[in-house]
Protein backbone atom coordinates (compact mmCIF):
# COMPACT_ATOMS: atom_id res chain seq x y z
CA MET A 1 -4.72 -18.99 -1.94
CA ARG A 2 -8.19 -17.68 -2.75
CA ASN A 3 -9.41 -19.16 0.55
CA ILE A 4 -6.75 -17.22 2.47
CA GLN A 5 -7.79 -13.96 0.81
CA MET A 6 -11.47 -14.58 1.55
CA LEU A 7 -10.68 -15.53 5.15
CA ALA A 8 -8.72 -12.30 5.67
CA ILE A 9 -11.59 -10.25 4.24
CA LEU A 10 -14.14 -12.05 6.43
CA ILE A 11 -12.07 -11.56 9.59
CA VAL A 12 -11.66 -7.82 9.00
CA SER A 13 -15.36 -7.49 8.12
CA ALA A 14 -16.56 -9.49 11.12
CA PHE A 15 -14.36 -7.56 13.54
CA ALA A 16 -15.47 -4.24 12.14
CA ALA A 17 -19.15 -5.15 12.10
CA SER A 18 -19.08 -6.34 15.71
CA ALA A 19 -17.12 -3.34 17.02
CA LEU A 20 -19.17 -0.56 15.44
CA PRO A 21 -22.87 0.34 15.36
CA ALA A 22 -24.80 -0.71 12.26
CA GLY A 23 -26.48 1.71 9.91
CA ALA A 24 -24.36 4.73 10.72
CA GLN A 25 -24.87 7.76 8.51
CA THR A 26 -21.98 8.97 6.41
CA GLU A 27 -20.90 12.48 5.51
CA PRO A 28 -20.02 13.84 2.05
CA ARG A 29 -16.73 12.52 0.64
CA ARG A 30 -13.73 14.64 -0.36
CA VAL A 31 -10.57 14.01 -2.35
CA GLU A 32 -7.85 12.99 0.10
CA ILE A 33 -4.09 13.03 0.03
CA GLY A 34 -2.28 10.76 2.38
CA GLY A 35 1.02 9.29 3.31
CA GLY A 36 2.67 7.12 5.86
CA LEU A 37 5.04 4.31 6.58
CA ASP A 38 4.75 0.69 5.65
CA SER A 39 6.63 -2.54 5.84
CA ILE A 40 6.57 -5.16 3.13
CA PHE A 41 7.25 -8.74 4.14
CA VAL A 42 8.45 -10.43 0.95
CA VAL A 43 7.44 -14.10 0.97
CA PRO A 44 10.41 -16.44 0.34
CA ILE A 45 9.32 -18.16 -2.88
CA PHE A 46 12.37 -18.51 -5.07
CA ASP A 47 15.53 -17.94 -3.03
CA GLY A 48 14.46 -19.30 0.34
CA GLY A 49 15.12 -16.04 2.21
CA ALA A 50 12.46 -13.62 3.45
CA ASP A 51 12.91 -9.87 3.53
CA VAL A 52 11.18 -7.08 5.43
CA VAL A 53 11.45 -3.78 3.56
CA PRO A 54 10.46 -0.56 5.41
CA SER A 55 9.29 2.25 3.14
CA ALA A 56 7.34 5.50 2.93
CA ASN A 57 4.23 5.98 0.80
CA ILE A 58 2.00 8.65 -0.69
CA ARG A 59 -1.61 8.18 -1.78
CA VAL A 60 -4.39 10.11 -3.52
CA THR A 61 -8.02 9.04 -2.95
CA ALA A 62 -10.79 10.23 -5.29
CA PRO A 63 -14.39 9.39 -4.26
CA LEU A 64 -16.54 7.77 -6.96
CA SER A 65 -19.67 7.27 -4.84
CA ARG A 66 -20.67 6.94 -1.20
CA ARG A 67 -19.17 3.45 -1.09
CA PHE A 68 -16.35 3.47 -3.62
CA ALA A 69 -13.19 5.51 -4.15
CA LEU A 70 -10.26 5.14 -6.51
CA GLU A 71 -6.75 5.39 -5.05
CA GLY A 72 -3.35 5.77 -6.63
CA PHE A 73 -0.25 5.09 -4.52
CA LEU A 74 3.54 5.12 -4.68
CA GLU A 75 6.01 3.88 -2.10
CA ALA A 76 9.77 4.06 -1.84
CA GLY A 77 12.21 2.24 0.39
CA ARG A 78 15.79 1.03 0.47
CA MET A 79 16.38 -2.55 -0.69
CA TYR A 80 19.97 -3.81 -0.67
CA GLU A 81 21.85 -1.47 -3.06
CA SER A 82 18.72 0.02 -4.64
CA THR A 83 15.82 2.33 -3.89
CA GLY A 84 12.44 0.98 -4.96
CA GLY A 85 8.96 -0.09 -4.07
CA LEU A 86 5.46 -0.51 -5.41
CA TYR A 87 3.12 1.74 -7.36
CA GLY A 88 -0.46 1.02 -8.25
CA ILE A 89 -4.13 1.75 -8.37
CA GLN A 90 -6.82 0.28 -6.16
CA VAL A 91 -10.48 0.50 -5.27
CA LYS A 92 -11.31 1.46 -1.70
CA GLN A 93 -14.71 0.02 -0.79
CA ARG A 94 -16.30 1.40 2.37
CA LEU A 95 -18.25 -1.06 4.49
CA LEU A 96 -21.18 1.24 5.20
CA ARG A 97 -22.80 -0.87 7.91
CA ALA A 98 -19.53 -1.05 9.84
CA SER A 99 -18.62 2.63 9.43
CA THR A 100 -19.60 5.70 11.47
CA PRO A 101 -19.32 9.40 10.60
CA THR A 102 -15.82 9.47 12.14
CA ARG A 103 -14.61 5.91 11.49
CA GLU A 104 -14.37 4.29 8.09
CA VAL A 105 -13.96 0.53 7.72
CA PHE A 106 -12.91 -0.48 4.22
CA LEU A 107 -11.62 -3.12 1.84
CA THR A 108 -9.04 -2.45 -0.86
CA TYR A 109 -8.39 -4.35 -4.05
CA GLY A 110 -6.39 -3.43 -7.12
CA ILE A 111 -3.18 -3.98 -9.01
CA ALA A 112 0.42 -2.98 -8.37
CA GLY A 113 3.73 -2.82 -10.19
CA GLY A 114 7.25 -2.45 -8.89
CA TYR A 115 10.37 -0.46 -9.56
CA SER A 116 13.97 -0.29 -8.40
CA HIS A 117 16.70 2.27 -9.06
CA TYR A 118 20.40 1.54 -8.76
CA ALA A 119 22.78 4.50 -8.43
CA ALA A 120 26.09 4.60 -10.32
CA GLU A 121 28.86 3.03 -8.28
CA GLU A 122 32.60 2.85 -8.36
CA TYR A 123 34.66 0.01 -6.94
CA ARG A 124 38.40 0.33 -6.34
CA TYR A 125 40.67 -2.61 -5.77
CA THR A 126 44.24 -3.64 -6.23
CA GLY A 127 44.80 -6.13 -9.01
CA PRO A 128 47.95 -7.80 -10.33
CA ASN A 129 48.73 -4.66 -12.38
CA GLY A 130 48.16 -2.24 -9.48
CA PRO A 131 45.11 -0.14 -8.50
CA GLU A 132 42.05 -0.64 -10.70
CA VAL A 133 38.60 0.99 -10.85
CA TYR A 134 35.37 -0.72 -11.88
CA ARG A 135 32.33 1.48 -12.56
CA THR A 136 28.64 0.61 -12.96
CA ALA A 137 26.13 2.94 -14.60
CA ALA A 138 22.93 4.05 -12.88
CA HIS A 139 19.86 2.16 -14.05
CA THR A 140 16.18 1.72 -13.22
CA ASN A 141 14.03 -1.41 -13.54
CA VAL A 142 10.25 -1.13 -13.79
CA VAL A 143 7.83 -4.05 -13.51
CA ALA A 144 4.42 -3.55 -15.12
CA PRO A 145 1.38 -3.63 -12.80
CA ILE A 146 0.87 -7.40 -12.78
CA PHE A 147 0.48 -7.98 -9.03
CA PRO A 148 -3.12 -8.19 -7.76
CA LEU A 149 -3.56 -7.01 -4.18
CA VAL A 150 -6.36 -7.22 -1.63
CA GLY A 151 -6.67 -5.92 1.90
CA GLY A 152 -8.62 -3.95 4.43
CA GLY A 153 -8.32 -1.39 7.15
CA ILE A 154 -9.75 1.34 9.32
CA GLN A 155 -9.54 5.12 8.95
CA GLN A 156 -10.34 7.15 12.08
CA ARG A 157 -10.94 10.90 11.85
CA VAL A 158 -9.08 12.69 14.66
CA ALA A 159 -9.70 16.31 13.53
CA THR A 160 -11.84 18.11 10.95
CA ARG A 161 -9.20 17.70 8.26
CA LEU A 162 -7.07 14.83 9.56
CA ALA A 163 -7.58 11.07 9.82
CA VAL A 164 -5.33 8.20 10.91
CA ARG A 165 -5.36 5.14 8.65
CA VAL A 166 -4.16 1.59 9.38
CA GLU A 167 -4.41 -1.25 6.88
CA GLY A 168 -2.97 -4.53 5.70
CA GLN A 169 -2.71 -6.00 2.20
CA LEU A 170 -1.77 -9.25 0.52
CA VAL A 171 0.15 -8.90 -2.76
CA THR A 172 -0.14 -11.87 -5.12
CA TRP A 173 1.16 -13.08 -8.45
CA LEU A 174 -0.89 -15.70 -10.28
CA TYR A 175 -2.74 -16.37 -6.98
CA VAL A 176 0.56 -17.02 -5.18
CA PRO A 177 1.25 -14.67 -2.24
CA VAL A 178 4.47 -12.76 -2.84
CA ALA A 179 4.27 -10.08 -0.13
CA VAL A 180 2.29 -8.81 2.83
CA ARG A 181 2.05 -5.03 3.39
CA ALA A 182 1.35 -3.39 6.75
CA LEU A 183 0.61 0.34 6.45
CA ALA A 184 0.00 3.18 8.89
CA GLY A 185 -0.41 6.83 7.99
CA VAL A 186 -2.61 9.88 7.75
CA SER A 187 -5.23 11.15 5.30
CA ILE A 188 -6.05 14.80 4.71
CA PRO A 189 -9.27 15.75 2.88
CA ILE A 190 -8.81 18.61 0.42
CA GLY A 191 -11.13 20.70 -1.73
CA ARG A 192 -14.93 20.69 -1.71
CA SER A 193 -17.03 17.66 -0.87
CA SER A 194 -18.29 15.47 -3.68
CA GLY A 195 -21.83 15.38 -2.29
CA TYR A 196 -21.83 11.59 -1.81
């Protein structure tokens, strides 16, 4: 498993380094808000069936230095009879030699948890004593952030305050892959620059 993660990181890094000029200067970093769409391919570990779950996400990126930023994210999608997804925190590490002032190549690594919410439902059927109603209460399940994740991507600035971001991530549990995330969205810098 660790070899697969390292291979994915090396492939993204090698592609980025070969496609972009080395030693590009970077501009000051700003806090960013972002959002987009993603698909999670849930690896069939326990039940033998694989699922692809489309969802929407929001993200906040806070720069820590020229190379590192801290990101919090939340996603929501429809899964069977519930609404749920992942939430988490991750480090976004810019690959400075592969980046330019308008294109950012990066790695991400962090930890995620999950949640699912089931709405109250009512089932009506006809039993031996006539019509009957069965009700279930609404409930929410939350899984603590126990899922390490690692990935990489590219963020391309298309306007002064707008960038397009594409990335992929591997979600693991005890070094076993449990899901693959493919994300595409936008990032919008807000506020003053951090000076990094």
